[in-house]
Amino acid sequence: MLALLALGTAPASATVFLYSNVLTIAGEPTPEESVEIDFEWNRILLALPAARDCVVPLTVVVVDSAEEAWGGGVSGIAAFYRRSQQTVYVEHGKVRAEHLIHEFAHHIDFSCGFGESALGAAFLIAEGFAPDHEWARGSGWRDVPAEYFAEAVVGTLGIDSVDLPVTAEAFAAVTRFAADGVDEAPPPRPHLEAIAALL
């Protein structure tokens, strides 16, 4: 497999991707949407190298309506991550970096156990949450620590679309995770040994 030839702010048609072997794109994406999804997946794994050792396969489904795919009741959503399915749903016309990276960050978080780690505990405190606050629950979107983590990853990648206040200490925790992983990382999944051999 060839190396990633270019990493800029937009996908290049001649780009060959490294980390597509753990990504499945489903639904009916346009060719441009498929390239964007692949590009952003590679972008996040290049930015968070430690995640390559723990991330599990991901499916991205391009849908006509993210709200309908969610099941209704939430208006205006562009994309969401369904942890039980290891799947990101993203709406046609909204397949953009800020949406994809946010949802990919959720997948990496839950694959690698960031929220359950010592770094996750430090992140909670840095963002003003109680040490025993549940990582993936809250009274609303703005009260869910996992959402702050996803937004911190968006900001770490230099995407100017951070919708939640992220502290410098929280960004530092993400930077440490990017380089070193979590303090007590989950054991590698068996399929990752074959992937590691390709890298």
Protein backbone atom coordinates (compact mmCIF):
# COMPACT_ATOMS: atom_id res chain seq x y z
CA MET A 1 0.00 0.00 0.00
CA LEU A 2 1.33 3.45 -0.87
CA ALA A 3 1.87 6.27 1.58
CA LEU A 4 -0.34 9.31 1.83
CA LEU A 5 0.98 11.62 -0.87
CA ALA A 6 -0.48 14.89 0.28
CA LEU A 7 -2.07 16.26 3.42
CA GLY A 8 -3.61 19.68 3.02
CA THR A 9 -6.89 21.31 3.85
CA ALA A 10 -8.79 19.60 1.03
CA PRO A 11 -8.50 16.17 -0.56
CA ALA A 12 -6.51 15.84 -3.75
CA SER A 13 -7.75 13.51 -6.46
CA ALA A 14 -4.28 11.91 -6.73
CA THR A 15 -4.01 11.18 -3.01
CA VAL A 16 -3.51 7.56 -1.99
CA PHE A 17 -4.65 6.74 1.53
CA LEU A 18 -2.94 4.69 4.24
CA TYR A 19 -5.64 3.98 6.81
CA SER A 20 -8.63 3.07 4.65
CA ASN A 21 -8.27 -0.59 5.64
CA VAL A 22 -10.33 -0.05 8.82
CA LEU A 23 -12.93 2.20 7.16
CA THR A 24 -16.07 1.19 5.25
CA ILE A 25 -18.09 3.82 3.39
CA ALA A 26 -21.75 2.92 2.85
CA GLY A 27 -25.00 4.51 1.73
CA GLU A 28 -24.93 6.36 -1.56
CA PRO A 29 -22.09 8.86 -1.30
CA THR A 30 -21.05 10.91 -4.29
CA PRO A 31 -17.49 10.27 -5.48
CA GLU A 32 -16.49 13.60 -3.91
CA GLU A 33 -18.06 12.62 -0.58
CA SER A 34 -16.22 9.29 -0.59
CA VAL A 35 -12.90 11.05 -1.18
CA GLU A 36 -13.63 13.57 1.60
CA ILE A 37 -14.54 10.83 4.09
CA ASP A 38 -11.42 8.85 3.26
CA PHE A 39 -9.25 11.95 3.41
CA GLU A 40 -10.54 13.08 6.82
CA TRP A 41 -10.22 9.56 8.27
CA ASN A 42 -6.59 9.48 7.21
CA ARG A 43 -6.11 13.03 8.46
CA ILE A 44 -7.27 12.20 11.99
CA LEU A 45 -5.18 9.04 12.21
CA LEU A 46 -2.10 10.93 11.04
CA ALA A 47 -2.79 13.61 13.68
CA LEU A 48 -3.41 11.05 16.45
CA PRO A 49 -0.76 8.39 15.78
CA ALA A 50 -1.28 6.58 19.10
CA ALA A 51 -4.89 5.89 18.09
CA ARG A 52 -3.72 3.66 15.24
CA ASP A 53 -2.89 0.96 17.80
CA CYS A 54 -6.35 0.82 19.36
CA VAL A 55 -8.93 2.05 16.85
CA VAL A 56 -11.44 -0.55 15.71
CA PRO A 57 -13.10 -0.68 12.26
CA LEU A 58 -15.52 2.13 11.47
CA THR A 59 -18.40 2.42 9.01
CA VAL A 60 -19.53 5.78 7.63
CA VAL A 61 -23.03 5.82 6.14
CA VAL A 62 -24.03 8.77 3.96
CA VAL A 63 -27.76 9.37 4.37
CA ASP A 64 -30.37 11.72 2.93
CA SER A 65 -31.36 12.97 6.39
CA ALA A 66 -29.27 12.70 9.55
CA GLU A 67 -32.31 13.62 11.63
CA GLU A 68 -34.32 10.77 10.11
CA ALA A 69 -31.43 8.34 10.59
CA TRP A 70 -31.24 9.43 14.24
CA GLY A 71 -34.92 8.63 14.65
CA GLY A 72 -36.30 12.15 14.81
CA GLY A 73 -36.52 14.55 17.69
CA VAL A 74 -33.27 16.39 16.97
CA SER A 75 -33.38 19.10 14.35
CA GLY A 76 -30.49 20.47 12.38
CA ILE A 77 -27.97 17.67 12.95
CA ALA A 78 -25.47 17.05 10.17
CA ALA A 79 -23.89 13.87 11.52
CA PHE A 80 -23.80 11.59 14.54
CA TYR A 81 -21.92 8.60 15.89
CA ARG A 82 -23.72 5.46 17.01
CA ARG A 83 -21.32 3.70 19.36
CA SER A 84 -23.23 0.39 19.46
CA GLN A 85 -22.79 0.08 15.68
CA GLN A 86 -19.33 1.66 15.38
CA THR A 87 -20.94 3.80 12.70
CA VAL A 88 -20.99 7.47 11.74
CA TYR A 89 -24.06 8.74 9.90
CA VAL A 90 -23.55 11.90 7.86
CA GLU A 91 -26.00 13.75 5.67
CA HIS A 92 -25.49 14.36 1.95
CA GLY A 93 -24.23 17.88 1.41
CA LYS A 94 -22.79 18.05 4.94
CA VAL A 95 -19.83 15.73 4.42
CA ARG A 96 -17.28 18.27 5.67
CA ALA A 97 -14.17 18.21 7.85
CA GLU A 98 -15.76 19.72 10.96
CA HIS A 99 -18.55 17.14 11.02
CA LEU A 100 -16.44 14.12 10.10
CA ILE A 101 -13.53 14.86 12.45
CA HIS A 102 -15.93 15.43 15.38
CA GLU A 103 -17.64 12.08 14.81
CA PHE A 104 -14.37 10.26 14.08
CA ALA A 105 -13.07 11.62 17.39
CA HIS A 106 -15.99 9.93 19.18
CA HIS A 107 -15.07 6.64 17.53
CA ILE A 108 -11.42 6.96 18.51
CA ASP A 109 -12.39 7.99 22.05
CA PHE A 110 -14.52 4.89 22.58
CA SER A 111 -12.15 2.58 20.68
CA CYS A 112 -9.16 3.64 22.73
CA GLY A 113 -10.77 4.28 26.11
CA PHE A 114 -9.80 7.95 26.45
CA GLY A 115 -12.76 8.79 28.69
CA GLU A 116 -11.96 5.90 31.03
CA SER A 117 -8.26 6.72 31.34
CA ALA A 118 -6.22 8.95 33.61
CA LEU A 119 -6.06 11.43 30.74
CA GLY A 120 -9.86 11.37 30.56
CA ALA A 121 -10.03 12.12 34.30
CA ALA A 122 -7.65 15.05 33.82
CA PHE A 123 -9.73 16.22 30.86
CA LEU A 124 -12.89 16.22 33.02
CA ILE A 125 -11.26 18.46 35.62
CA ALA A 126 -9.75 20.73 32.95
CA GLU A 127 -13.22 21.27 31.47
CA GLY A 128 -14.83 21.95 34.87
CA PHE A 129 -16.72 18.68 35.24
CA ALA A 130 -16.97 16.78 38.50
CA PRO A 131 -14.44 13.90 38.67
CA ASP A 132 -17.30 11.38 38.76
CA HIS A 133 -19.28 12.90 35.86
CA GLU A 134 -20.28 10.23 33.34
CA TRP A 135 -18.17 10.58 30.22
CA ALA A 136 -20.89 10.08 27.61
CA ARG A 137 -23.97 11.41 29.42
CA GLY A 138 -25.34 14.75 30.42
CA SER A 139 -28.48 16.81 30.67
CA GLY A 140 -27.86 18.13 27.16
CA TRP A 141 -25.20 18.22 24.45
CA ARG A 142 -23.23 20.91 26.27
CA ASP A 143 -23.09 18.80 29.44
CA VAL A 144 -21.44 15.71 27.89
CA PRO A 145 -17.65 15.47 28.38
CA ALA A 146 -17.25 13.25 25.30
CA GLU A 147 -18.56 16.15 23.19
CA TYR A 148 -15.84 18.42 24.57
CA PHE A 149 -13.24 15.79 23.70
CA ALA A 150 -14.53 15.61 20.12
CA GLU A 151 -14.45 19.40 19.83
CA ALA A 152 -10.93 19.46 21.30
CA VAL A 153 -9.81 17.07 18.56
CA VAL A 154 -11.45 19.32 15.94
CA GLY A 155 -9.49 22.28 17.34
CA THR A 156 -6.26 20.29 17.62
CA LEU A 157 -6.48 19.59 13.88
CA GLY A 158 -6.76 23.32 13.24
CA ILE A 159 -10.38 23.27 12.09
CA ASP A 160 -12.03 26.59 12.93
CA SER A 161 -15.35 25.11 14.03
CA VAL A 162 -15.08 24.50 17.77
CA ASP A 163 -18.54 25.06 19.25
CA LEU A 164 -17.71 24.38 22.91
CA PRO A 165 -15.23 26.13 25.22
CA VAL A 166 -12.11 23.98 25.40
CA THR A 167 -9.37 24.89 27.88
CA ALA A 168 -5.64 24.88 27.17
CA GLU A 169 -5.29 22.01 29.66
CA ALA A 170 -7.89 19.97 27.78
CA PHE A 171 -6.08 20.60 24.49
CA ALA A 172 -2.86 19.48 26.20
CA ALA A 173 -4.53 16.20 27.25
CA VAL A 174 -5.56 15.57 23.65
CA THR A 175 -2.04 16.36 22.43
CA ARG A 176 -0.60 13.91 24.95
CA PHE A 177 -3.13 11.26 23.88
CA ALA A 178 -2.24 11.89 20.22
CA ALA A 179 1.41 11.10 20.87
CA ASP A 180 1.32 8.54 23.68
CA GLY A 181 -2.18 7.06 23.88
CA VAL A 182 -3.92 6.55 27.19
CA ASP A 183 -2.06 5.59 30.36
CA GLU A 184 -3.74 2.22 30.50
CA ALA A 185 -4.69 1.50 26.93
CA PRO A 186 -7.04 -1.41 26.20
CA PRO A 187 -5.24 -4.49 24.86
CA PRO A 188 -4.78 -4.49 21.07
CA ARG A 189 -7.58 -6.12 19.09
CA PRO A 190 -6.42 -9.24 17.17
CA HIS A 191 -7.18 -7.75 13.74
CA LEU A 192 -4.84 -4.85 14.48
CA GLU A 193 -1.77 -7.08 14.35
CA ALA A 194 -2.35 -7.57 10.62
CA ILE A 195 -2.88 -3.82 10.15
CA ALA A 196 0.28 -3.01 12.12
CA ALA A 197 2.27 -5.27 9.83
CA LEU A 198 1.29 -3.03 6.90
CA LEU A 199 2.57 0.14 8.56
